[in-house]
Every structure is written in structure tokens, then in C-alpha cells.
Amino acid sequence: MKLLLEKIKLAMQKRTGAAQQKKNHVSWVAKGYRKEPMVTFVIQSHNKSLQICHILPKLRQYEDAEIIVIDDGSSMEHTERLVKALTGTNEFLLRANDLFENVTYDKTIRLANGKYIALMQDDDDFEDTAWVENAVSLFQRHPKMVILGGKDGLDIAFEEESGWAHGGRSMTKGDFTFVTSVNRAPMWIHRELFTQHLHHIDFRFAPFQFDDYELCARAWLSGLQVGWYDAGFHSLTAGGMRLWNNDFTKEQSERNGKLLYQLYADKQEELRKKVAACRGQ
């Protein structure tokens, strides 16, 4: 019945011209939509809308960008706050039904229009946009670099006795260098190179954990490069993944660590040589 009444109301508005029609092409252009921004910021939010609202003004300081927030859909309180906060023409909210990082990051990369995509977490904080400008400059200097991490630069440790792989020696301070792997966040993606050569985040690692290591290993074996720099991030609070999914994280680490070993243990020497060759350039 409600649908029928709505149909009648809209039909009357159309016939009488009662509906307000104030939109035109000039007003649309004035919104300032960016079809091809330099950067897309993608932020995962797990019931952390207050933290997202805290960094939004800082992200807006980098004007040639779009912002996409992924809301995990577990609380309408946070969804409603994000809807009110994302007021810009180039700001979007993607609501997912508790699908976690692997699926939602991969889906959002396809939605993004930025030349470079910054995958972020809901506990990330920073002082200004210098980390963005540095990343863009590094991509321009290294045209074969598809991934740039700003948190930890890592080796991948392969443990033969247990048949398990995980992040190895960590680099957290220093200048730019090529590394075997990085983890989030931030984790930058060169969108064109990703689309042409990597295509996707490996769904076998869904819903989360170690898919970032796999992506980096695959990048090197595809003839691309992975770099690391110090983005200077600090944490606002405990990350949502660790806060609400600690036991699940342990389960996924065991499962995906074994999968990572199976896929790349026999390629560790090839990975080492590729990274060393780029460092020696």
C-alpha cells in the first residue's frame, strides 16, 4: 500500500510540475567533482567513526583527491555519523556487511579513480599531508613500483619446520628503500600497474591476514617493485581488527601463514635476488 501511495504522489508531482527542479549542468559543474584525482584515500572503519571524523579535515588539505570510507555495517550509530561527515562531492561511503579487509579493499580499488590509492586503517593519524606528497614523488621517481608501504618494511620469514610464513625483519625508520613486503597502513597502490599486472587481492586469504604479504611477493615475481618509506603515522587508538577480532586474527594467521608458505617458500631466493638487485641500482 505504501508503494502504491508513493507511486500516485510522484505521478501527481510529475503532472503538475510541483516537484522542485533546481538542478542544471552549471550547478553540477560547480560541485567540483574530480574524475581523475591524483590520490584516493581508502579508510576501513570498524565502529571507529569518531576517529574517521578526526582525520577527515587533514585529508581534505590534499585537494587533488577523493575519499572513500568503508563502513563495516555493524552499527548504525557509526554509519549515520559517517553519512553526516562525508559531505564533499569527492567523498564516498561504502557500507559492507562485515566482510573485512581482503574483500572490501579489493572491491574499493575498483571503485577508486585516483592514480595512487592509499589504503588506510581506522586508527591512523598524522600531522599533515607531507606523507602524501612524499609518496606521490616516490611513485614518480620509480615508475615500476606498484606498492609503497609507510608502516613497516619487511622480509618474509619462511619457517621450514612448521611450514609457516610471516612478516620477518622489520624496518620502521630511515629513508626510502625497496623491500620484500610491507603491511598496512598506509599501503599505497599504483592503480594502473595493479590493474594491469596484479588484478586483485588474493581471495584465498579472505577475510584478512597476510594477503598484503602475498600481494607484495606476487608484485616482485611479476617484474614490479615494492618500496617502503616512513610515513610518520601514529595510532589514535587500538585498531578495530585487533580490538574486536583478536582470536579470529590468531586463527587467520595460522591458516594464512601456511598458505603463504605453500605459495612462495620455493621462491624465496628469487624474491631475495630481485629486491637486492633493485637496492643496488
Protein backbone atom coordinates (compact mmCIF):
# COMPACT_ATOMS: atom_id res chain seq x y z
CA MET A 1 0.00 0.00 0.00
CA LYS A 2 2.80 2.43 0.84
CA LEU A 3 4.41 1.77 -2.53
CA LEU A 4 1.11 2.44 -4.31
CA LEU A 5 0.58 5.74 -2.47
CA GLU A 6 4.15 6.80 -3.29
CA LYS A 7 3.55 5.99 -6.95
CA ILE A 8 0.42 8.14 -7.02
CA LYS A 9 2.18 11.03 -5.27
CA LEU A 10 5.08 11.03 -7.70
CA ALA A 11 2.75 10.79 -10.68
CA MET A 12 0.88 13.89 -9.46
CA GLN A 13 4.14 15.79 -8.96
CA LYS A 14 5.21 14.96 -12.47
CA ARG A 15 1.86 16.02 -14.00
CA THR A 16 1.51 19.26 -12.06
CA GLY A 17 5.16 20.26 -12.08
CA ALA A 18 5.04 20.59 -8.30
CA ALA A 19 8.43 18.92 -7.79
CA GLN A 20 11.22 21.45 -7.42
CA GLN A 21 13.70 21.23 -10.27
CA LYS A 22 16.61 23.50 -9.40
CA LYS A 23 19.41 21.35 -10.82
CA ASN A 24 21.21 22.08 -14.07
CA HIS A 25 24.60 21.45 -15.66
CA VAL A 26 26.10 24.64 -14.24
CA SER A 27 25.17 23.64 -10.71
CA TRP A 28 26.59 20.16 -11.28
CA VAL A 29 29.92 21.52 -12.54
CA ALA A 30 30.07 23.85 -9.54
CA LYS A 31 30.19 20.84 -7.23
CA GLY A 32 33.79 20.30 -8.34
CA TYR A 33 33.74 16.55 -8.92
CA ARG A 34 37.20 15.19 -9.77
CA LYS A 35 37.07 12.47 -12.40
CA GLU A 36 40.79 11.68 -12.26
CA PRO A 37 42.23 12.74 -8.89
CA MET A 38 45.87 12.19 -8.12
CA VAL A 39 45.07 10.28 -4.92
CA THR A 40 42.28 8.17 -3.49
CA PHE A 41 42.22 7.73 0.28
CA VAL A 42 40.52 4.47 1.30
CA ILE A 43 39.84 4.03 5.02
CA GLN A 44 38.50 0.93 6.74
CA SER A 45 36.18 1.74 9.64
CA HIS A 46 35.23 -0.85 12.26
CA ASN A 47 32.98 1.11 14.66
CA LYS A 48 35.51 3.96 14.67
CA SER A 49 33.59 6.83 13.09
CA LEU A 50 34.91 9.37 15.60
CA GLN A 51 38.46 8.58 14.53
CA ILE A 52 37.50 8.94 10.85
CA CYS A 53 35.92 12.33 11.56
CA HIS A 54 39.16 13.37 13.27
CA ILE A 55 41.34 12.79 10.19
CA LEU A 56 38.87 13.93 7.51
CA PRO A 57 39.85 17.63 7.76
CA LYS A 58 43.52 16.64 7.45
CA LEU A 59 42.88 14.51 4.36
CA ARG A 60 40.94 17.36 2.75
CA GLN A 61 44.07 19.51 2.88
CA TYR A 62 45.34 17.50 -0.08
CA GLU A 63 42.90 18.87 -2.63
CA ASP A 64 43.60 16.65 -5.64
CA ALA A 65 42.00 13.63 -4.01
CA GLU A 66 38.89 11.64 -3.32
CA ILE A 67 38.00 9.94 -0.04
CA ILE A 68 36.27 6.57 0.29
CA VAL A 69 35.34 5.26 3.74
CA ILE A 70 34.44 1.59 4.12
CA ASP A 71 31.92 1.14 6.94
CA ASP A 72 31.73 -2.46 8.17
CA GLY A 73 28.00 -2.09 8.78
CA SER A 74 27.92 -3.38 12.35
CA SER A 75 26.43 -0.26 13.99
CA MET A 76 24.04 2.32 12.57
CA GLU A 77 25.38 4.89 15.05
CA HIS A 78 28.68 4.92 13.19
CA THR A 79 27.07 4.71 9.77
CA GLU A 80 24.89 7.74 10.47
CA ARG A 81 27.86 9.74 11.77
CA LEU A 82 29.88 8.95 8.66
CA VAL A 83 26.98 9.89 6.37
CA LYS A 84 26.80 13.31 8.02
CA ALA A 85 30.58 13.80 7.94
CA LEU A 86 31.25 12.87 4.30
CA THR A 87 29.78 16.00 2.77
CA GLY A 88 32.21 16.65 -0.08
CA THR A 89 31.49 15.93 -3.73
CA ASN A 90 34.54 13.66 -3.87
CA GLU A 91 33.73 11.81 -0.65
CA PHE A 92 32.01 8.43 -0.61
CA LEU A 93 30.75 5.89 1.91
CA LEU A 94 30.83 2.18 1.05
CA ARG A 95 28.82 0.11 3.52
CA ALA A 96 29.82 -3.55 3.71
CA ASN A 97 28.28 -6.31 5.76
CA ASP A 98 31.20 -7.32 7.99
CA LEU A 99 33.30 -8.60 5.08
CA PHE A 100 36.70 -7.49 6.47
CA GLU A 101 39.75 -6.14 4.66
CA ASN A 102 40.53 -8.58 1.87
CA VAL A 103 37.19 -8.27 0.08
CA THR A 104 36.44 -4.64 0.83
CA TYR A 105 39.87 -3.25 -0.08
CA ASP A 106 39.82 -5.21 -3.33
CA LYS A 107 36.31 -4.00 -4.14
CA THR A 108 37.15 -0.39 -3.36
CA ILE A 109 40.30 -0.38 -5.52
CA ARG A 110 37.94 -0.92 -8.47
CA LEU A 111 35.76 1.97 -7.35
CA ALA A 112 38.69 4.37 -6.89
CA ASN A 113 39.68 6.84 -9.62
CA GLY A 114 42.93 8.09 -8.08
CA LYS A 115 46.21 7.46 -9.85
CA TYR A 116 47.59 6.38 -6.48
CA ILE A 117 45.47 4.72 -3.77
CA ALA A 118 46.29 4.94 -0.07
CA LEU A 119 44.84 2.01 1.87
CA MET A 120 44.37 3.15 5.46
CA GLN A 121 43.04 1.91 8.80
CA ASP A 122 40.66 3.46 11.30
CA ASP A 123 43.34 4.11 13.92
CA ASP A 124 45.73 6.03 11.62
CA ASP A 125 46.73 9.59 12.42
CA PHE A 126 49.27 12.04 11.02
CA GLU A 127 50.26 15.69 11.32
CA ASP A 128 49.89 17.00 7.76
CA THR A 129 49.89 15.84 4.13
CA ALA A 130 53.67 15.57 3.77
CA TRP A 131 53.30 11.76 3.77
CA VAL A 132 51.04 12.06 0.71
CA GLU A 133 53.34 14.40 -1.19
CA ASN A 134 56.34 12.17 -0.42
CA ALA A 135 54.53 9.08 -1.68
CA VAL A 136 53.46 10.72 -4.95
CA SER A 137 57.04 11.90 -5.52
CA LEU A 138 58.42 8.39 -4.90
CA PHE A 139 55.99 6.83 -7.36
CA GLN A 140 57.01 9.35 -9.99
CA ARG A 141 60.69 8.54 -9.40
CA HIS A 142 60.11 4.78 -9.57
CA PRO A 143 57.70 4.01 -12.44
CA LYS A 144 57.79 0.22 -11.87
CA MET A 145 56.82 0.49 -8.20
CA VAL A 146 53.29 -0.83 -7.71
CA ILE A 147 53.21 -0.89 -3.88
CA LEU A 148 54.64 1.57 -1.37
CA GLY A 149 54.34 0.94 2.35
CA GLY A 150 54.58 3.60 5.00
CA LYS A 151 54.43 1.50 8.16
CA ASP A 152 56.87 -1.46 8.22
CA GLY A 153 59.32 -2.63 5.59
CA LEU A 154 59.54 -6.41 5.90
CA ASP A 155 61.19 -9.56 4.79
CA ILE A 156 59.02 -12.67 4.59
CA ALA A 157 60.22 -15.31 7.03
CA PHE A 158 59.72 -18.90 5.86
CA GLU A 159 59.87 -21.44 8.70
CA GLU A 160 60.59 -24.83 7.17
CA GLU A 161 59.96 -26.90 10.29
CA SER A 162 56.43 -25.60 10.76
CA GLY A 163 55.64 -24.90 7.11
CA TRP A 164 54.59 -21.38 8.06
CA ALA A 165 55.42 -17.93 6.70
CA HIS A 166 55.01 -14.47 8.21
CA GLY A 167 56.49 -10.99 8.27
CA GLY A 168 60.19 -11.06 9.07
CA ARG A 169 62.74 -8.40 9.98
CA SER A 170 61.06 -5.03 10.25
CA MET A 171 62.23 -1.62 9.08
CA THR A 172 60.37 1.27 10.69
CA LYS A 173 62.81 4.20 10.46
CA GLY A 174 65.00 5.54 7.71
CA ASP A 175 64.92 6.65 4.09
CA PHE A 176 63.17 5.07 1.14
CA THR A 177 64.28 1.59 0.13
CA PHE A 178 62.99 -1.42 -1.76
CA VAL A 179 61.73 -4.24 0.46
CA THR A 180 60.28 -7.71 0.03
CA SER A 181 57.00 -6.78 1.65
CA VAL A 182 55.07 -4.10 3.51
CA ASN A 183 51.98 -4.21 5.66
CA ARG A 184 49.15 -1.81 6.21
CA ALA A 185 48.81 1.04 6.89
CA PRO A 186 49.32 3.15 4.91
CA MET A 187 49.79 0.88 1.94
CA TRP A 188 49.91 2.73 -1.36
CA ILE A 189 48.84 1.17 -4.65
CA HIS A 190 49.75 2.38 -8.14
CA ARG A 191 46.30 1.76 -9.60
CA GLU A 192 47.23 1.33 -13.27
CA LEU A 193 50.06 -1.13 -12.54
CA PHE A 194 47.85 -3.02 -10.10
CA THR A 195 45.04 -3.30 -12.63
CA GLN A 196 47.32 -4.38 -15.48
CA HIS A 197 49.52 -6.88 -13.64
CA LEU A 198 48.14 -7.92 -10.25
CA HIS A 199 44.40 -7.64 -10.93
CA HIS A 200 43.17 -8.47 -7.45
CA ILE A 201 43.94 -9.14 -3.81
CA ASP A 202 44.10 -12.92 -3.43
CA PHE A 203 40.71 -14.09 -2.12
CA ARG A 204 42.25 -17.28 -0.79
CA PHE A 205 43.46 -15.17 2.13
CA ALA A 206 39.98 -13.80 2.88
CA PRO A 207 38.69 -12.42 5.06
CA PHE A 208 42.05 -10.96 6.25
CA GLN A 209 45.64 -11.52 7.34
CA PHE A 210 48.80 -11.93 5.23
CA ASP A 211 47.10 -11.00 1.96
CA ASP A 212 49.32 -7.89 1.94
CA TYR A 213 52.47 -10.06 2.09
CA GLU A 214 51.14 -12.24 -0.73
CA LEU A 215 50.39 -9.21 -2.88
CA CYS A 216 53.93 -7.90 -2.42
CA ALA A 217 55.52 -11.25 -3.26
CA ARG A 218 53.37 -11.52 -6.37
CA ALA A 219 54.34 -7.99 -7.39
CA TRP A 220 58.06 -8.81 -7.34
CA LEU A 221 57.54 -12.05 -9.27
CA SER A 222 55.52 -10.09 -11.86
CA GLY A 223 58.51 -7.83 -12.59
CA LEU A 224 57.26 -4.92 -10.47
CA GLN A 225 58.69 -3.32 -7.34
CA VAL A 226 57.68 -2.80 -3.70
CA GLY A 227 59.06 0.15 -1.77
CA TRP A 228 59.00 1.45 1.78
CA TYR A 229 59.25 4.90 3.35
CA ASP A 230 58.46 6.25 6.79
CA ALA A 231 55.03 7.88 6.56
CA GLY A 232 55.27 9.08 10.14
CA PHE A 233 51.88 7.72 11.19
CA HIS A 234 50.90 7.27 14.80
CA SER A 235 47.92 5.45 16.25
CA LEU A 236 44.83 7.19 17.55
CA THR A 237 43.69 4.12 19.45
CA ALA A 238 43.59 0.34 19.21
CA GLY A 239 42.81 -0.79 15.67
CA GLY A 240 39.34 -2.20 15.08
CA MET A 241 40.62 -5.51 13.73
CA ARG A 242 42.68 -6.19 16.86
CA LEU A 243 40.09 -4.70 19.21
CA TRP A 244 37.19 -6.91 18.19
CA ASN A 245 38.81 -9.84 16.37
CA ASN A 246 41.83 -10.91 18.40
CA ASP A 247 41.03 -14.64 18.45
CA PHE A 248 39.91 -14.55 14.83
CA THR A 249 43.20 -12.88 13.91
CA LYS A 250 45.18 -15.71 15.53
CA GLU A 251 43.10 -18.25 13.64
CA GLN A 252 43.64 -16.45 10.34
CA SER A 253 47.37 -16.05 10.99
CA GLU A 254 47.79 -19.80 11.40
CA ARG A 255 45.69 -20.61 8.36
CA ASN A 256 47.11 -18.00 6.02
CA GLY A 257 50.69 -18.37 7.22
CA LYS A 258 50.61 -21.94 5.99
CA LEU A 259 49.06 -20.85 2.69
CA LEU A 260 51.72 -18.16 2.21
CA TYR A 261 54.44 -20.76 2.81
CA GLN A 262 52.90 -23.16 0.28
CA LEU A 263 52.72 -20.47 -2.38
CA TYR A 264 56.14 -18.85 -2.00
CA ALA A 265 58.60 -20.91 0.08
CA ASP A 266 60.24 -22.27 -3.06
CA LYS A 267 60.55 -18.73 -4.46
CA GLN A 268 62.24 -17.04 -1.51
CA GLU A 269 65.68 -16.96 -3.15
CA GLU A 270 64.22 -15.44 -6.31
CA LEU A 271 62.47 -12.80 -4.22
CA ARG A 272 65.69 -12.01 -2.35
CA LYS A 273 67.64 -11.55 -5.57
CA LYS A 274 65.03 -9.26 -7.12
CA VAL A 275 64.94 -6.99 -4.08
CA ALA A 276 68.74 -6.93 -3.80
CA ALA A 277 69.10 -6.05 -7.48
CA CYS A 278 66.80 -3.03 -7.12
CA ARG A 279 68.56 -1.86 -3.98
CA GLY A 280 71.86 -1.98 -5.84
CA GLN A 281 70.72 0.25 -8.71
